[in-house]
């Protein structure tokens, strides 16, 4: 994380944080003491907007998603 470059544990794929349009950060745990983080980079602005539009109905914060969409 120091060099601002992230890579997949299971492949050679890398992405630079500042070259993405949207990053989805997922936190999950298999056990109480174990926390894993997964970053999903979205590089394309159109795809990022489509993703935001598709997940907006799941949550009860239309204002937040509209604001996020404008910032893209």
PDB file of N, CA and C in Angstrom:
ATOM      1  N   UNK A   1       0.819  -1.183   0.000  1.00  0.00           N
ATOM      2  CA  UNK A   1       0.000   0.000   0.000  1.00  0.00           C
ATOM      3  C   UNK A   1       0.875   1.264   0.000  1.00  0.00           C
ATOM      4  N   UNK A   2       2.111   1.142   0.387  1.00  0.00           N
ATOM      5  CA  UNK A   2       2.988   2.302   0.455  1.00  0.00           C
ATOM      6  C   UNK A   2       3.220   2.942  -0.910  1.00  0.00           C
ATOM      7  N   UNK A   3       3.316   2.137  -1.956  1.00  0.00           N
ATOM      8  CA  UNK A   3       3.593   2.680  -3.286  1.00  0.00           C
ATOM      9  C   UNK A   3       2.326   2.985  -4.076  1.00  0.00           C
ATOM     10  N   UNK A   4       1.166   2.901  -3.435  1.00  0.00           N
ATOM     11  CA  UNK A   4      -0.113   3.225  -4.057  1.00  0.00           C
ATOM     12  C   UNK A   4      -0.431   2.316  -5.242  1.00  0.00           C
ATOM     13  N   UNK A   5       0.102   1.114  -5.237  1.00  0.00           N
ATOM     14  CA  UNK A   5      -0.175   0.120  -6.262  1.00  0.00           C
ATOM     15  C   UNK A   5      -0.701  -1.127  -5.563  1.00  0.00           C
ATOM     16  N   UNK A   6      -1.795  -1.659  -6.068  1.00  0.00           N
ATOM     17  CA  UNK A   6      -2.430  -2.813  -5.444  1.00  0.00           C
ATOM     18  C   UNK A   6      -2.430  -3.976  -6.420  1.00  0.00           C
ATOM     19  N   UNK A   7      -2.307  -5.172  -5.912  1.00  0.00           N
ATOM     20  CA  UNK A   7      -2.291  -6.325  -6.794  1.00  0.00           C
ATOM     21  C   UNK A   7      -3.117  -7.464  -6.224  1.00  0.00           C
ATOM     22  N   UNK A   8      -3.512  -8.326  -7.125  1.00  0.00           N
ATOM     23  CA  UNK A   8      -4.295  -9.489  -6.742  1.00  0.00           C
ATOM     24  C   UNK A   8      -3.393 -10.535  -6.096  1.00  0.00           C
ATOM     25  N   UNK A   9      -3.906 -11.171  -5.082  1.00  0.00           N
ATOM     26  CA  UNK A   9      -3.137 -12.220  -4.417  1.00  0.00           C
ATOM     27  C   UNK A   9      -3.001 -13.444  -5.320  1.00  0.00           C
ATOM     28  N   UNK A  10      -4.020 -13.702  -6.116  1.00  0.00           N
ATOM     29  CA  UNK A  10      -4.048 -14.916  -6.915  1.00  0.00           C
ATOM     30  C   UNK A  10      -3.634 -14.720  -8.376  1.00  0.00           C
ATOM     31  N   UNK A  11      -3.254 -13.519  -8.766  1.00  0.00           N
ATOM     32  CA  UNK A  11      -2.823 -13.292 -10.141  1.00  0.00           C
ATOM     33  C   UNK A  11      -1.816 -12.148 -10.182  1.00  0.00           C
ATOM     34  N   UNK A  12      -1.355 -11.815 -11.369  1.00  0.00           N
ATOM     35  CA  UNK A  12      -0.381 -10.739 -11.529  1.00  0.00           C
ATOM     36  C   UNK A  12      -1.041  -9.405 -11.835  1.00  0.00           C
ATOM     37  N   UNK A  13      -2.368  -9.341 -11.776  1.00  0.00           N
ATOM     38  CA  UNK A  13      -3.079  -8.101 -12.071  1.00  0.00           C
ATOM     39  C   UNK A  13      -2.766  -7.039 -11.027  1.00  0.00           C
ATOM     40  N   UNK A  14      -2.552  -5.804 -11.514  1.00  0.00           N
ATOM     41  CA  UNK A  14      -2.306  -4.674 -10.611  1.00  0.00           C
ATOM     42  C   UNK A  14      -3.165  -3.501 -11.050  1.00  0.00           C
ATOM     43  N   UNK A  15      -3.434  -2.589 -10.124  1.00  0.00           N
ATOM     44  CA  UNK A  15      -4.088  -1.333 -10.476  1.00  0.00           C
ATOM     45  C   UNK A  15      -3.549  -0.234  -9.594  1.00  0.00           C
ATOM     46  N   UNK A  16      -3.568   0.963 -10.128  1.00  0.00           N
ATOM     47  CA  UNK A  16      -3.137   2.119  -9.358  1.00  0.00           C
ATOM     48  C   UNK A  16      -4.375   2.843  -8.853  1.00  0.00           C
ATOM     49  N   UNK A  17      -4.380   3.128  -7.577  1.00  0.00           N
ATOM     50  CA  UNK A  17      -5.529   3.709  -6.900  1.00  0.00           C
ATOM     51  C   UNK A  17      -5.999   4.988  -7.587  1.00  0.00           C
ATOM     52  N   UNK A  18      -5.090   5.853  -7.971  1.00  0.00           N
ATOM     53  CA  UNK A  18      -5.456   7.156  -8.523  1.00  0.00           C
ATOM     54  C   UNK A  18      -5.888   7.109  -9.987  1.00  0.00           C
ATOM     55  N   UNK A  19      -5.828   5.960 -10.636  1.00  0.00           N
ATOM     56  CA  UNK A  19      -6.264   5.843 -12.030  1.00  0.00           C
ATOM     57  C   UNK A  19      -7.653   5.228 -12.166  1.00  0.00           C
ATOM     58  N   UNK A  20      -8.312   4.978 -11.061  1.00  0.00           N
ATOM     59  CA  UNK A  20      -9.647   4.380 -11.095  1.00  0.00           C
ATOM     60  C   UNK A  20     -10.710   5.460 -10.979  1.00  0.00           C
ATOM     61  N   UNK A  21     -11.893   5.156 -11.479  1.00  0.00           N
ATOM     62  CA  UNK A  21     -13.034   6.064 -11.341  1.00  0.00           C
ATOM     63  C   UNK A  21     -13.798   5.778 -10.052  1.00  0.00           C
ATOM     64  N   UNK A  22     -13.820   4.509  -9.653  1.00  0.00           N
ATOM     65  CA  UNK A  22     -14.542   4.091  -8.460  1.00  0.00           C
ATOM     66  C   UNK A  22     -13.859   2.848  -7.909  1.00  0.00           C
ATOM     67  N   UNK A  23     -13.742   2.767  -6.598  1.00  0.00           N
ATOM     68  CA  UNK A  23     -13.187   1.571  -5.965  1.00  0.00           C
ATOM     69  C   UNK A  23     -14.206   1.077  -4.944  1.00  0.00           C
ATOM     70  N   UNK A  24     -14.559  -0.172  -5.070  1.00  0.00           N
ATOM     71  CA  UNK A  24     -15.466  -0.794  -4.114  1.00  0.00           C
ATOM     72  C   UNK A  24     -14.603  -1.525  -3.097  1.00  0.00           C
ATOM     73  N   UNK A  25     -14.812  -1.214  -1.833  1.00  0.00           N
ATOM     74  CA  UNK A  25     -14.056  -1.829  -0.756  1.00  0.00           C
ATOM     75  C   UNK A  25     -14.996  -2.774  -0.010  1.00  0.00           C
ATOM     76  N   UNK A  26     -14.717  -4.043  -0.082  1.00  0.00           N
ATOM     77  CA  UNK A  26     -15.514  -5.048   0.616  1.00  0.00           C
ATOM     78  C   UNK A  26     -14.730  -5.568   1.808  1.00  0.00           C
ATOM     79  N   UNK A  27     -15.359  -5.605   2.944  1.00  0.00           N
ATOM     80  CA  UNK A  27     -14.764  -6.182   4.150  1.00  0.00           C
ATOM     81  C   UNK A  27     -15.578  -7.408   4.525  1.00  0.00           C
ATOM     82  N   UNK A  28     -14.875  -8.499   4.764  1.00  0.00           N
ATOM     83  CA  UNK A  28     -15.593  -9.698   5.181  1.00  0.00           C
ATOM     84  C   UNK A  28     -14.738 -10.493   6.155  1.00  0.00           C
ATOM     85  N   UNK A  29     -15.413 -11.347   6.888  1.00  0.00           N
ATOM     86  CA  UNK A  29     -14.723 -12.132   7.893  1.00  0.00           C
ATOM     87  C   UNK A  29     -15.254 -13.561   7.889  1.00  0.00           C
ATOM     88  N   UNK A  30     -14.333 -14.501   7.993  1.00  0.00           N
ATOM     89  CA  UNK A  30     -14.712 -15.910   8.129  1.00  0.00           C
ATOM     90  C   UNK A  30     -14.759 -16.309   9.600  1.00  0.00           C
ATOM     91  N   UNK A  31     -13.964 -15.626  10.381  1.00  0.00           N
ATOM     92  CA  UNK A  31     -13.880 -15.891  11.815  1.00  0.00           C
ATOM     93  C   UNK A  31     -13.914 -14.558  12.549  1.00  0.00           C
ATOM     94  N   UNK A  32     -14.115 -14.608  13.825  1.00  0.00           N
ATOM     95  CA  UNK A  32     -14.206 -13.383  14.623  1.00  0.00           C
ATOM     96  C   UNK A  32     -12.910 -12.575  14.565  1.00  0.00           C
ATOM     97  N   UNK A  33     -11.776 -13.242  14.577  1.00  0.00           N
ATOM     98  CA  UNK A  33     -10.492 -12.537  14.644  1.00  0.00           C
ATOM     99  C   UNK A  33      -9.893 -12.229  13.269  1.00  0.00           C
ATOM    100  N   UNK A  34     -10.559 -12.617  12.210  1.00  0.00           N
ATOM    101  CA  UNK A  34      -9.994 -12.461  10.873  1.00  0.00           C
ATOM    102  C   UNK A  34     -10.833 -11.490  10.043  1.00  0.00           C
ATOM    103  N   UNK A  35     -10.196 -10.455   9.523  1.00  0.00           N
ATOM    104  CA  UNK A  35     -10.872  -9.501   8.654  1.00  0.00           C
ATOM    105  C   UNK A  35     -10.111  -9.414   7.342  1.00  0.00           C
ATOM    106  N   UNK A  36     -10.817  -9.571   6.247  1.00  0.00           N
ATOM    107  CA  UNK A  36     -10.219  -9.490   4.914  1.00  0.00           C
ATOM    108  C   UNK A  36     -10.790  -8.299   4.177  1.00  0.00           C
ATOM    109  N   UNK A  37      -9.958  -7.647   3.384  1.00  0.00           N
ATOM    110  CA  UNK A  37     -10.398  -6.535   2.562  1.00  0.00           C
ATOM    111  C   UNK A  37     -10.169  -6.879   1.105  1.00  0.00           C
ATOM    112  N   UNK A  38     -11.173  -6.560   0.298  1.00  0.00           N
ATOM    113  CA  UNK A  38     -11.072  -6.764  -1.146  1.00  0.00           C
ATOM    114  C   UNK A  38     -11.407  -5.445  -1.811  1.00  0.00           C
ATOM    115  N   UNK A  39     -10.552  -5.017  -2.729  1.00  0.00           N
ATOM    116  CA  UNK A  39     -10.787  -3.797  -3.496  1.00  0.00           C
ATOM    117  C   UNK A  39     -11.149  -4.181  -4.920  1.00  0.00           C
ATOM    118  N   UNK A  40     -12.246  -3.635  -5.410  1.00  0.00           N
ATOM    119  CA  UNK A  40     -12.671  -3.889  -6.779  1.00  0.00           C
ATOM    120  C   UNK A  40     -12.584  -2.565  -7.530  1.00  0.00           C
ATOM    121  N   UNK A  41     -11.594  -2.446  -8.420  1.00  0.00           N
ATOM    122  CA  UNK A  41     -11.442  -1.185  -9.151  1.00  0.00           C
ATOM    123  C   UNK A  41     -12.378  -1.121 -10.358  1.00  0.00           C
ATOM    124  N   UNK A  42     -13.001   0.026 -10.549  1.00  0.00           N
ATOM    125  CA  UNK A  42     -13.813   0.282 -11.732  1.00  0.00           C
ATOM    126  C   UNK A  42     -13.087   1.393 -12.491  1.00  0.00           C
ATOM    127  N   UNK A  43     -12.597   1.085 -13.672  1.00  0.00           N
ATOM    128  CA  UNK A  43     -11.772   2.021 -14.429  1.00  0.00           C
ATOM    129  C   UNK A  43     -12.581   2.932 -15.347  1.00  0.00           C
ATOM    130  N   UNK A  44     -13.742   2.464 -15.772  1.00  0.00           N
ATOM    131  CA  UNK A  44     -14.544   3.172 -16.757  1.00  0.00           C
ATOM    132  C   UNK A  44     -15.628   3.999 -16.069  1.00  0.00           C
ATOM    133  N   UNK A  45     -15.746   5.274 -16.423  1.00  0.00           N
ATOM    134  CA  UNK A  45     -16.724   6.173 -15.795  1.00  0.00           C
ATOM    135  C   UNK A  45     -18.158   5.702 -16.042  1.00  0.00           C
ATOM    136  N   UNK A  46     -18.450   5.247 -17.255  1.00  0.00           N
ATOM    137  CA  UNK A  46     -19.805   4.790 -17.585  1.00  0.00           C
ATOM    138  C   UNK A  46     -20.172   3.560 -16.751  1.00  0.00           C
ATOM    139  N   UNK A  47     -19.250   2.631 -16.616  1.00  0.00           N
ATOM    140  CA  UNK A  47     -19.502   1.426 -15.813  1.00  0.00           C
ATOM    141  C   UNK A  47     -19.689   1.782 -14.340  1.00  0.00           C
ATOM    142  N   UNK A  48     -18.936   2.751 -13.855  1.00  0.00           N
ATOM    143  CA  UNK A  48     -19.070   3.175 -12.462  1.00  0.00           C
ATOM    144  C   UNK A  48     -20.460   3.759 -12.215  1.00  0.00           C
ATOM    145  N   UNK A  49     -20.934   4.590 -13.131  1.00  0.00           N
ATOM    146  CA  UNK A  49     -22.269   5.184 -12.996  1.00  0.00           C
ATOM    147  C   UNK A  49     -23.362   4.121 -13.075  1.00  0.00           C
ATOM    148  N   UNK A  50     -23.207   3.149 -13.969  1.00  0.00           N
ATOM    149  CA  UNK A  50     -24.188   2.063 -14.083  1.00  0.00           C
ATOM    150  C   UNK A  50     -24.229   1.233 -12.808  1.00  0.00           C
ATOM    151  N   UNK A  51     -23.073   0.981 -12.230  1.00  0.00           N
ATOM    152  CA  UNK A  51     -23.007   0.207 -10.991  1.00  0.00           C
ATOM    153  C   UNK A  51     -23.702   0.943  -9.850  1.00  0.00           C
ATOM    154  N   UNK A  52     -23.426   2.229  -9.723  1.00  0.00           N
ATOM    155  CA  UNK A  52     -24.070   3.031  -8.675  1.00  0.00           C
ATOM    156  C   UNK A  52     -25.584   3.026  -8.860  1.00  0.00           C
ATOM    157  N   UNK A  53     -26.024   3.184 -10.106  1.00  0.00           N
ATOM    158  CA  UNK A  53     -27.461   3.185 -10.389  1.00  0.00           C
ATOM    159  C   UNK A  53     -28.095   1.840 -10.027  1.00  0.00           C
ATOM    160  N   UNK A  54     -27.392   0.751 -10.265  1.00  0.00           N
ATOM    161  CA  UNK A  54     -27.964  -0.574 -10.009  1.00  0.00           C
ATOM    162  C   UNK A  54     -28.008  -0.935  -8.523  1.00  0.00           C
ATOM    163  N   UNK A  55     -27.081  -0.416  -7.710  1.00  0.00           N
ATOM    164  CA  UNK A  55     -27.101  -0.767  -6.288  1.00  0.00           C
ATOM    165  C   UNK A  55     -27.879   0.242  -5.442  1.00  0.00           C
ATOM    166  N   UNK A  56     -28.209   1.376  -5.990  1.00  0.00           N
ATOM    167  CA  UNK A  56     -28.939   2.411  -5.257  1.00  0.00           C
ATOM    168  C   UNK A  56     -30.251   1.891  -4.643  1.00  0.00           C
ATOM    169  N   UNK A  57     -31.063   1.102  -5.346  1.00  0.00           N
ATOM    170  CA  UNK A  57     -32.327   0.628  -4.751  1.00  0.00           C
ATOM    171  C   UNK A  57     -32.152  -0.282  -3.531  1.00  0.00           C
ATOM    172  N   UNK A  58     -30.984  -0.861  -3.366  1.00  0.00           N
ATOM    173  CA  UNK A  58     -30.741  -1.756  -2.242  1.00  0.00           C
ATOM    174  C   UNK A  58     -30.685  -0.978  -0.932  1.00  0.00           C
ATOM    175  N   UNK A  59     -30.182   0.250  -1.000  1.00  0.00           N
ATOM    176  CA  UNK A  59     -29.982   1.067   0.189  1.00  0.00           C
ATOM    177  C   UNK A  59     -31.029   2.170   0.258  1.00  0.00           C
ATOM    178  N   UNK A  60     -31.170   2.773   1.426  1.00  0.00           N
ATOM    179  CA  UNK A  60     -32.188   3.798   1.626  1.00  0.00           C
ATOM    180  C   UNK A  60     -31.599   5.198   1.605  1.00  0.00           C
ATOM    181  N   UNK A  61     -30.624   5.436   0.761  1.00  0.00           N
ATOM    182  CA  UNK A  61     -29.989   6.751   0.732  1.00  0.00           C
ATOM    183  C   UNK A  61     -29.839   7.241  -0.706  1.00  0.00           C
ATOM    184  N   UNK A  62     -30.940   7.607  -1.320  1.00  0.00           N
ATOM    185  CA  UNK A  62     -30.900   8.110  -2.693  1.00  0.00           C
ATOM    186  C   UNK A  62     -30.034   9.354  -2.805  1.00  0.00           C
ATOM    187  N   UNK A  63     -30.119  10.243  -1.822  1.00  0.00           N
ATOM    188  CA  UNK A  63     -29.350  11.478  -1.845  1.00  0.00           C
ATOM    189  C   UNK A  63     -27.847  11.188  -1.932  1.00  0.00           C
ATOM    190  N   UNK A  64     -27.392  10.249  -1.138  1.00  0.00           N
ATOM    191  CA  UNK A  64     -25.974   9.889  -1.102  1.00  0.00           C
ATOM    192  C   UNK A  64     -25.512   9.376  -2.463  1.00  0.00           C
ATOM    193  N   UNK A  65     -26.298   8.500  -3.077  1.00  0.00           N
ATOM    194  CA  UNK A  65     -25.918   7.935  -4.366  1.00  0.00           C
ATOM    195  C   UNK A  65     -25.990   8.971  -5.484  1.00  0.00           C
ATOM    196  N   UNK A  66     -26.949   9.872  -5.413  1.00  0.00           N
ATOM    197  CA  UNK A  66     -27.029  10.940  -6.417  1.00  0.00           C
ATOM    198  C   UNK A  66     -25.810  11.854  -6.321  1.00  0.00           C
ATOM    199  N   UNK A  67     -25.408  12.151  -5.103  1.00  0.00           N
ATOM    200  CA  UNK A  67     -24.223  12.979  -4.889  1.00  0.00           C
ATOM    201  C   UNK A  67     -22.970  12.265  -5.396  1.00  0.00           C
ATOM    202  N   UNK A  68     -22.850  10.993  -5.114  1.00  0.00           N
ATOM    203  CA  UNK A  68     -21.727  10.199  -5.594  1.00  0.00           C
ATOM    204  C   UNK A  68     -21.691  10.173  -7.114  1.00  0.00           C
ATOM    205  N   UNK A  69     -22.840   9.981  -7.728  1.00  0.00           N
ATOM    206  CA  UNK A  69     -22.943   9.952  -9.183  1.00  0.00           C
ATOM    207  C   UNK A  69     -22.502  11.277  -9.798  1.00  0.00           C
ATOM    208  N   UNK A  70     -22.858  12.388  -9.181  1.00  0.00           N
ATOM    209  CA  UNK A  70     -22.443  13.709  -9.676  1.00  0.00           C
ATOM    210  C   UNK A  70     -20.938  13.886  -9.586  1.00  0.00           C
ATOM    211  N   UNK A  71     -20.325  13.354  -8.563  1.00  0.00           N
ATOM    212  CA  UNK A  71     -18.884  13.519  -8.375  1.00  0.00           C
ATOM    213  C   UNK A  71     -18.077  12.711  -9.373  1.00  0.00           C
ATOM    214  N   UNK A  72     -18.691  11.710  -9.980  1.00  0.00           N
ATOM    215  CA  UNK A  72     -17.972  10.933 -11.001  1.00  0.00           C
ATOM    216  C   UNK A  72     -17.852  11.768 -12.255  1.00  0.00           C
TER     217      UNK A  72
END
